[in-house]
Amino acid sequence: MTAYVPAKGEFVRDRSRGRVGRVMDRAGARFQLRPIGGGVEWDVDPADLEPVPVSAVLSEHVAELNRRSGRPF
């Protein structure tokens, strides 16, 4: 089975953390992801990455905007 290799700028899910992020770069064997709403990047093993549908990206983005607004939704 061939490992999934995302492109720079692609949104992916980090299965080990249950988070969605954008691929910013690759450092050695690990990928660097940034949260959808911005913030601190984190490193992830390629084996923990999977592609995500656009609907999941939008849902994550709306949830982040709601958290930042301080409004309970």
PDB file of N, CA and C in Angstrom:
ATOM      1  N   MET A   1       0.839  -1.181   0.000  1.00  0.00           N
ATOM      2  CA  MET A   1       0.000   0.000   0.000  1.00  0.00           C
ATOM      3  C   MET A   1       0.883   1.243   0.000  1.00  0.00           C
ATOM      4  N   THR A   2       0.564   2.199  -0.848  1.00  0.00           N
ATOM      5  CA  THR A   2       1.328   3.432  -0.956  1.00  0.00           C
ATOM      6  C   THR A   2       0.851   4.429   0.096  1.00  0.00           C
ATOM      7  N   ALA A   3       1.786   5.064   0.780  1.00  0.00           N
ATOM      8  CA  ALA A   3       1.443   6.053   1.800  1.00  0.00           C
ATOM      9  C   ALA A   3       0.886   7.313   1.141  1.00  0.00           C
ATOM     10  N   TYR A   4      -0.057   7.946   1.809  1.00  0.00           N
ATOM     11  CA  TYR A   4      -0.652   9.196   1.335  1.00  0.00           C
ATOM     12  C   TYR A   4       0.365  10.320   1.530  1.00  0.00           C
ATOM     13  N   VAL A   5       0.639  11.070   0.481  1.00  0.00           N
ATOM     14  CA  VAL A   5       1.581  12.189   0.539  1.00  0.00           C
ATOM     15  C   VAL A   5       0.839  13.452   0.100  1.00  0.00           C
ATOM     16  N   PRO A   6       0.479  14.319   1.045  1.00  0.00           N
ATOM     17  CA  PRO A   6      -0.273  15.527   0.699  1.00  0.00           C
ATOM     18  C   PRO A   6       0.617  16.588   0.060  1.00  0.00           C
ATOM     19  N   ALA A   7      -0.002  17.468  -0.704  1.00  0.00           N
ATOM     20  CA  ALA A   7       0.703  18.587  -1.328  1.00  0.00           C
ATOM     21  C   ALA A   7       0.738  19.771  -0.365  1.00  0.00           C
ATOM     22  N   LYS A   8       1.731  20.615  -0.531  1.00  0.00           N
ATOM     23  CA  LYS A   8       1.829  21.829   0.271  1.00  0.00           C
ATOM     24  C   LYS A   8       0.573  22.667   0.030  1.00  0.00           C
ATOM     25  N   GLY A   9      -0.043  23.152   1.105  1.00  0.00           N
ATOM     26  CA  GLY A   9      -1.259  23.950   1.016  1.00  0.00           C
ATOM     27  C   GLY A   9      -2.534  23.149   1.154  1.00  0.00           C
ATOM     28  N   GLU A  10      -2.438  21.834   1.076  1.00  0.00           N
ATOM     29  CA  GLU A  10      -3.621  20.965   1.173  1.00  0.00           C
ATOM     30  C   GLU A  10      -4.086  20.851   2.625  1.00  0.00           C
ATOM     31  N   PHE A  11      -5.384  20.711   2.815  1.00  0.00           N
ATOM     32  CA  PHE A  11      -5.939  20.474   4.146  1.00  0.00           C
ATOM     33  C   PHE A  11      -6.000  18.974   4.382  1.00  0.00           C
ATOM     34  N   VAL A  12      -5.563  18.568   5.570  1.00  0.00           N
ATOM     35  CA  VAL A  12      -5.524  17.147   5.931  1.00  0.00           C
ATOM     36  C   VAL A  12      -5.950  16.977   7.384  1.00  0.00           C
ATOM     37  N   ARG A  13      -6.277  15.742   7.733  1.00  0.00           N
ATOM     38  CA  ARG A  13      -6.608  15.422   9.124  1.00  0.00           C
ATOM     39  C   ARG A  13      -5.439  14.677   9.737  1.00  0.00           C
ATOM     40  N   ASP A  14      -5.058  15.121  10.926  1.00  0.00           N
ATOM     41  CA  ASP A  14      -4.046  14.443  11.731  1.00  0.00           C
ATOM     42  C   ASP A  14      -4.812  13.470  12.626  1.00  0.00           C
ATOM     43  N   ARG A  15      -4.813  12.189  12.269  1.00  0.00           N
ATOM     44  CA  ARG A  15      -5.584  11.192  13.018  1.00  0.00           C
ATOM     45  C   ARG A  15      -5.092  11.039  14.453  1.00  0.00           C
ATOM     46  N   SER A  16      -3.814  11.280  14.702  1.00  0.00           N
ATOM     47  CA  SER A  16      -3.277  11.101  16.058  1.00  0.00           C
ATOM     48  C   SER A  16      -3.809  12.158  17.026  1.00  0.00           C
ATOM     49  N   ARG A  17      -4.167  13.335  16.511  1.00  0.00           N
ATOM     50  CA  ARG A  17      -4.680  14.415  17.362  1.00  0.00           C
ATOM     51  C   ARG A  17      -6.147  14.737  17.090  1.00  0.00           C
ATOM     52  N   GLY A  18      -6.685  14.190  16.016  1.00  0.00           N
ATOM     53  CA  GLY A  18      -8.069  14.478  15.668  1.00  0.00           C
ATOM     54  C   GLY A  18      -8.273  15.910  15.207  1.00  0.00           C
ATOM     55  N   ARG A  19      -7.232  16.496  14.596  1.00  0.00           N
ATOM     56  CA  ARG A  19      -7.281  17.897  14.166  1.00  0.00           C
ATOM     57  C   ARG A  19      -7.110  17.993  12.658  1.00  0.00           C
ATOM     58  N   VAL A  20      -7.689  19.058  12.098  1.00  0.00           N
ATOM     59  CA  VAL A  20      -7.528  19.360  10.682  1.00  0.00           C
ATOM     60  C   VAL A  20      -6.572  20.537  10.568  1.00  0.00           C
ATOM     61  N   GLY A  21      -5.662  20.465   9.620  1.00  0.00           N
ATOM     62  CA  GLY A  21      -4.710  21.552   9.420  1.00  0.00           C
ATOM     63  C   GLY A  21      -4.281  21.645   7.965  1.00  0.00           C
ATOM     64  N   ARG A  22      -3.594  22.723   7.654  1.00  0.00           N
ATOM     65  CA  ARG A  22      -3.070  22.937   6.301  1.00  0.00           C
ATOM     66  C   ARG A  22      -1.596  22.564   6.287  1.00  0.00           C
ATOM     67  N   VAL A  23      -1.192  21.820   5.271  1.00  0.00           N
ATOM     68  CA  VAL A  23       0.215  21.431   5.121  1.00  0.00           C
ATOM     69  C   VAL A  23       1.018  22.679   4.762  1.00  0.00           C
ATOM     70  N   MET A  24       1.979  23.009   5.616  1.00  0.00           N
ATOM     71  CA  MET A  24       2.805  24.191   5.401  1.00  0.00           C
ATOM     72  C   MET A  24       4.163  23.827   4.799  1.00  0.00           C
ATOM     73  N   ASP A  25       4.690  22.687   5.232  1.00  0.00           N
ATOM     74  CA  ASP A  25       6.017  22.288   4.775  1.00  0.00           C
ATOM     75  C   ASP A  25       6.275  20.860   5.218  1.00  0.00           C
ATOM     76  N   ARG A  26       7.454  20.413   4.878  1.00  0.00           N
ATOM     77  CA  ARG A  26       7.895  19.089   5.301  1.00  0.00           C
ATOM     78  C   ARG A  26       9.283  19.234   5.893  1.00  0.00           C
ATOM     79  N   ALA A  27       9.486  18.643   7.064  1.00  0.00           N
ATOM     80  CA  ALA A  27      10.789  18.677   7.727  1.00  0.00           C
ATOM     81  C   ALA A  27      11.245  17.236   7.902  1.00  0.00           C
ATOM     82  N   GLY A  28      12.149  16.819   7.052  1.00  0.00           N
ATOM     83  CA  GLY A  28      12.585  15.423   7.091  1.00  0.00           C
ATOM     84  C   GLY A  28      11.431  14.529   6.701  1.00  0.00           C
ATOM     85  N   ALA A  29      11.123  13.577   7.558  1.00  0.00           N
ATOM     86  CA  ALA A  29      10.040  12.643   7.272  1.00  0.00           C
ATOM     87  C   ALA A  29       8.687  13.128   7.779  1.00  0.00           C
ATOM     88  N   ARG A  30       8.663  14.231   8.520  1.00  0.00           N
ATOM     89  CA  ARG A  30       7.418  14.707   9.124  1.00  0.00           C
ATOM     90  C   ARG A  30       6.869  15.925   8.381  1.00  0.00           C
ATOM     91  N   PHE A  31       5.540  16.070   8.431  1.00  0.00           N
ATOM     92  CA  PHE A  31       4.879  17.223   7.832  1.00  0.00           C
ATOM     93  C   PHE A  31       4.571  18.246   8.916  1.00  0.00           C
ATOM     94  N   GLN A  32       4.562  19.504   8.534  1.00  0.00           N
ATOM     95  CA  GLN A  32       4.220  20.587   9.451  1.00  0.00           C
ATOM     96  C   GLN A  32       2.854  21.121   9.053  1.00  0.00           C
ATOM     97  N   LEU A  33       1.926  21.087  10.009  1.00  0.00           N
ATOM     98  CA  LEU A  33       0.559  21.542   9.776  1.00  0.00           C
ATOM     99  C   LEU A  33       0.281  22.792  10.590  1.00  0.00           C
ATOM    100  N   ARG A  34      -0.579  23.646  10.055  1.00  0.00           N
ATOM    101  CA  ARG A  34      -1.022  24.848  10.764  1.00  0.00           C
ATOM    102  C   ARG A  34      -2.533  24.752  10.926  1.00  0.00           C
ATOM    103  N   PRO A  35      -3.066  25.115  12.092  1.00  0.00           N
ATOM    104  CA  PRO A  35      -4.515  25.087  12.284  1.00  0.00           C
ATOM    105  C   PRO A  35      -5.227  25.956  11.244  1.00  0.00           C
ATOM    106  N   ILE A  36      -6.462  25.623  10.938  1.00  0.00           N
ATOM    107  CA  ILE A  36      -7.237  26.337   9.929  1.00  0.00           C
ATOM    108  C   ILE A  36      -7.345  27.822  10.226  1.00  0.00           C
ATOM    109  N   GLY A  37      -7.584  28.199  11.453  1.00  0.00           N
ATOM    110  CA  GLY A  37      -7.732  29.605  11.818  1.00  0.00           C
ATOM    111  C   GLY A  37      -6.412  30.308  12.065  1.00  0.00           C
ATOM    112  N   GLY A  38      -5.298  29.643  11.788  1.00  0.00           N
ATOM    113  CA  GLY A  38      -3.979  30.198  12.064  1.00  0.00           C
ATOM    114  C   GLY A  38      -3.490  29.727  13.421  1.00  0.00           C
ATOM    115  N   GLY A  39      -2.266  30.002  13.710  1.00  0.00           N
ATOM    116  CA  GLY A  39      -1.717  29.600  15.001  1.00  0.00           C
ATOM    117  C   GLY A  39      -0.414  28.841  14.844  1.00  0.00           C
ATOM    118  N   VAL A  40      -0.043  28.164  15.891  1.00  0.00           N
ATOM    119  CA  VAL A  40       1.236  27.468  15.964  1.00  0.00           C
ATOM    120  C   VAL A  40       1.178  26.160  15.177  1.00  0.00           C
ATOM    121  N   GLU A  41       2.177  25.961  14.358  1.00  0.00           N
ATOM    122  CA  GLU A  41       2.272  24.722  13.579  1.00  0.00           C
ATOM    123  C   GLU A  41       2.648  23.557  14.484  1.00  0.00           C
ATOM    124  N   TRP A  42       2.291  22.367  14.025  1.00  0.00           N
ATOM    125  CA  TRP A  42       2.717  21.159  14.732  1.00  0.00           C
ATOM    126  C   TRP A  42       3.218  20.151  13.706  1.00  0.00           C
ATOM    127  N   ASP A  43       4.059  19.247  14.165  1.00  0.00           N
ATOM    128  CA  ASP A  43       4.634  18.225  13.309  1.00  0.00           C
ATOM    129  C   ASP A  43       3.806  16.949  13.415  1.00  0.00           C
ATOM    130  N   VAL A  44       3.716  16.245  12.310  1.00  0.00           N
ATOM    131  CA  VAL A  44       2.947  15.003  12.300  1.00  0.00           C
ATOM    132  C   VAL A  44       3.617  13.986  11.383  1.00  0.00           C
ATOM    133  N   ASP A  45       3.541  12.743  11.800  1.00  0.00           N
ATOM    134  CA  ASP A  45       4.063  11.635  11.010  1.00  0.00           C
ATOM    135  C   ASP A  45       3.143  11.413   9.809  1.00  0.00           C
ATOM    136  N   PRO A  46       3.691  11.179   8.617  1.00  0.00           N
ATOM    137  CA  PRO A  46       2.854  10.985   7.435  1.00  0.00           C
ATOM    138  C   PRO A  46       1.852   9.832   7.575  1.00  0.00           C
ATOM    139  N   ALA A  47       2.167   8.835   8.379  1.00  0.00           N
ATOM    140  CA  ALA A  47       1.259   7.704   8.576  1.00  0.00           C
ATOM    141  C   ALA A  47      -0.033   8.128   9.268  1.00  0.00           C
ATOM    142  N   ASP A  48      -0.025   9.282   9.955  1.00  0.00           N
ATOM    143  CA  ASP A  48      -1.201   9.762  10.673  1.00  0.00           C
ATOM    144  C   ASP A  48      -2.045  10.733   9.852  1.00  0.00           C
ATOM    145  N   LEU A  49      -1.671  10.973   8.600  1.00  0.00           N
ATOM    146  CA  LEU A  49      -2.393  11.931   7.763  1.00  0.00           C
ATOM    147  C   LEU A  49      -3.417  11.255   6.876  1.00  0.00           C
ATOM    148  N   GLU A  50      -4.540  11.952   6.664  1.00  0.00           N
ATOM    149  CA  GLU A  50      -5.535  11.502   5.698  1.00  0.00           C
ATOM    150  C   GLU A  50      -6.172  12.732   5.060  1.00  0.00           C
ATOM    151  N   PRO A  51      -6.601  12.604   3.799  1.00  0.00           N
ATOM    152  CA  PRO A  51      -7.264  13.738   3.149  1.00  0.00           C
ATOM    153  C   PRO A  51      -8.611  14.002   3.807  1.00  0.00           C
ATOM    154  N   VAL A  52      -9.076  15.235   3.727  1.00  0.00           N
ATOM    155  CA  VAL A  52     -10.392  15.580   4.277  1.00  0.00           C
ATOM    156  C   VAL A  52     -11.237  16.251   3.197  1.00  0.00           C
ATOM    157  N   PRO A  53     -12.538  16.014   3.215  1.00  0.00           N
ATOM    158  CA  PRO A  53     -13.406  16.681   2.252  1.00  0.00           C
ATOM    159  C   PRO A  53     -13.551  18.166   2.597  1.00  0.00           C
ATOM    160  N   VAL A  54     -13.902  18.954   1.616  1.00  0.00           N
ATOM    161  CA  VAL A  54     -14.067  20.397   1.808  1.00  0.00           C
ATOM    162  C   VAL A  54     -15.076  20.678   2.915  1.00  0.00           C
ATOM    163  N   SER A  55     -16.122  19.892   3.013  1.00  0.00           N
ATOM    164  CA  SER A  55     -17.141  20.115   4.045  1.00  0.00           C
ATOM    165  C   SER A  55     -16.540  20.038   5.449  1.00  0.00           C
ATOM    166  N   ALA A  56     -15.593  19.138   5.668  1.00  0.00           N
ATOM    167  CA  ALA A  56     -14.942  19.023   6.976  1.00  0.00           C
ATOM    168  C   ALA A  56     -14.081  20.241   7.261  1.00  0.00           C
ATOM    169  N   VAL A  57     -13.422  20.759   6.229  1.00  0.00           N
ATOM    170  CA  VAL A  57     -12.595  21.959   6.397  1.00  0.00           C
ATOM    171  C   VAL A  57     -13.466  23.139   6.766  1.00  0.00           C
ATOM    172  N   LEU A  58     -14.590  23.307   6.068  1.00  0.00           N
ATOM    173  CA  LEU A  58     -15.498  24.422   6.362  1.00  0.00           C
ATOM    174  C   LEU A  58     -16.089  24.292   7.760  1.00  0.00           C
ATOM    175  N   SER A  59     -16.460  23.087   8.146  1.00  0.00           N
ATOM    176  CA  SER A  59     -17.021  22.859   9.471  1.00  0.00           C
ATOM    177  C   SER A  59     -16.014  23.221  10.559  1.00  0.00           C
ATOM    178  N   GLU A  60     -14.771  22.821  10.368  1.00  0.00           N
ATOM    179  CA  GLU A  60     -13.703  23.135  11.328  1.00  0.00           C
ATOM    180  C   GLU A  60     -13.470  24.644  11.407  1.00  0.00           C
ATOM    181  N   HIS A  61     -13.515  25.310  10.259  1.00  0.00           N
ATOM    182  CA  HIS A  61     -13.303  26.757  10.213  1.00  0.00           C
ATOM    183  C   HIS A  61     -14.423  27.493  10.940  1.00  0.00           C
ATOM    184  N   VAL A  62     -15.656  27.098  10.734  1.00  0.00           N
ATOM    185  CA  VAL A  62     -16.795  27.716  11.422  1.00  0.00           C
ATOM    186  C   VAL A  62     -16.679  27.499  12.929  1.00  0.00           C
ATOM    187  N   ALA A  63     -16.300  26.302  13.343  1.00  0.00           N
ATOM    188  CA  ALA A  63     -16.129  26.020  14.776  1.00  0.00           C
ATOM    189  C   ALA A  63     -15.054  26.915  15.379  1.00  0.00           C
ATOM    190  N   GLU A  64     -13.955  27.136  14.641  1.00  0.00           N
ATOM    191  CA  GLU A  64     -12.884  28.013  15.121  1.00  0.00           C
ATOM    192  C   GLU A  64     -13.378  29.449  15.242  1.00  0.00           C
ATOM    193  N   LEU A  65     -14.112  29.929  14.269  1.00  0.00           N
ATOM    194  CA  LEU A  65     -14.665  31.291  14.327  1.00  0.00           C
ATOM    195  C   LEU A  65     -15.614  31.440  15.506  1.00  0.00           C
ATOM    196  N   ASN A  66     -16.418  30.434  15.765  1.00  0.00           N
ATOM    197  CA  ASN A  66     -17.325  30.473  16.917  1.00  0.00           C
ATOM    198  C   ASN A  66     -16.559  30.517  18.232  1.00  0.00           C
ATOM    199  N   ARG A  67     -15.485  29.733  18.335  1.00  0.00           N
ATOM    200  CA  ARG A  67     -14.667  29.764  19.566  1.00  0.00           C
ATOM    201  C   ARG A  67     -14.082  31.148  19.784  1.00  0.00           C
ATOM    202  N   ARG A  68     -13.609  31.770  18.713  1.00  0.00           N
ATOM    203  CA  ARG A  68     -12.997  33.101  18.831  1.00  0.00           C
ATOM    204  C   ARG A  68     -14.008  34.192  19.170  1.00  0.00           C
ATOM    205  N   SER A  69     -15.243  34.002  18.745  1.00  0.00           N
ATOM    206  CA  SER A  69     -16.272  35.028  19.000  1.00  0.00           C
ATOM    207  C   SER A  69     -16.714  35.014  20.454  1.00  0.00           C
ATOM    208  N   GLY A  70     -16.488  33.903  21.137  1.00  0.00           N
ATOM    209  CA  GLY A  70     -16.889  33.797  22.540  1.00  0.00           C
ATOM    210  C   GLY A  70     -18.382  33.554  22.695  1.00  0.00           C
ATOM    211  N   ARG A  71     -19.048  33.323  21.591  1.00  0.00           N
ATOM    212  CA  ARG A  71     -20.494  33.089  21.639  1.00  0.00           C
ATOM    213  C   ARG A  71     -20.756  31.601  21.720  1.00  0.00           C
ATOM    214  N   PRO A  72     -21.652  31.189  22.619  1.00  0.00           N
ATOM    215  CA  PRO A  72     -21.951  29.758  22.738  1.00  0.00           C
ATOM    216  C   PRO A  72     -22.884  29.288  21.625  1.00  0.00           C
ATOM    217  N   PHE A  73     -22.379  28.432  20.774  1.00  0.00           N
ATOM    218  CA  PHE A  73     -23.200  27.870  19.687  1.00  0.00           C
ATOM    219  C   PHE A  73     -23.281  26.381  19.842  1.00  0.00           C
TER     220      PHE A  73
END
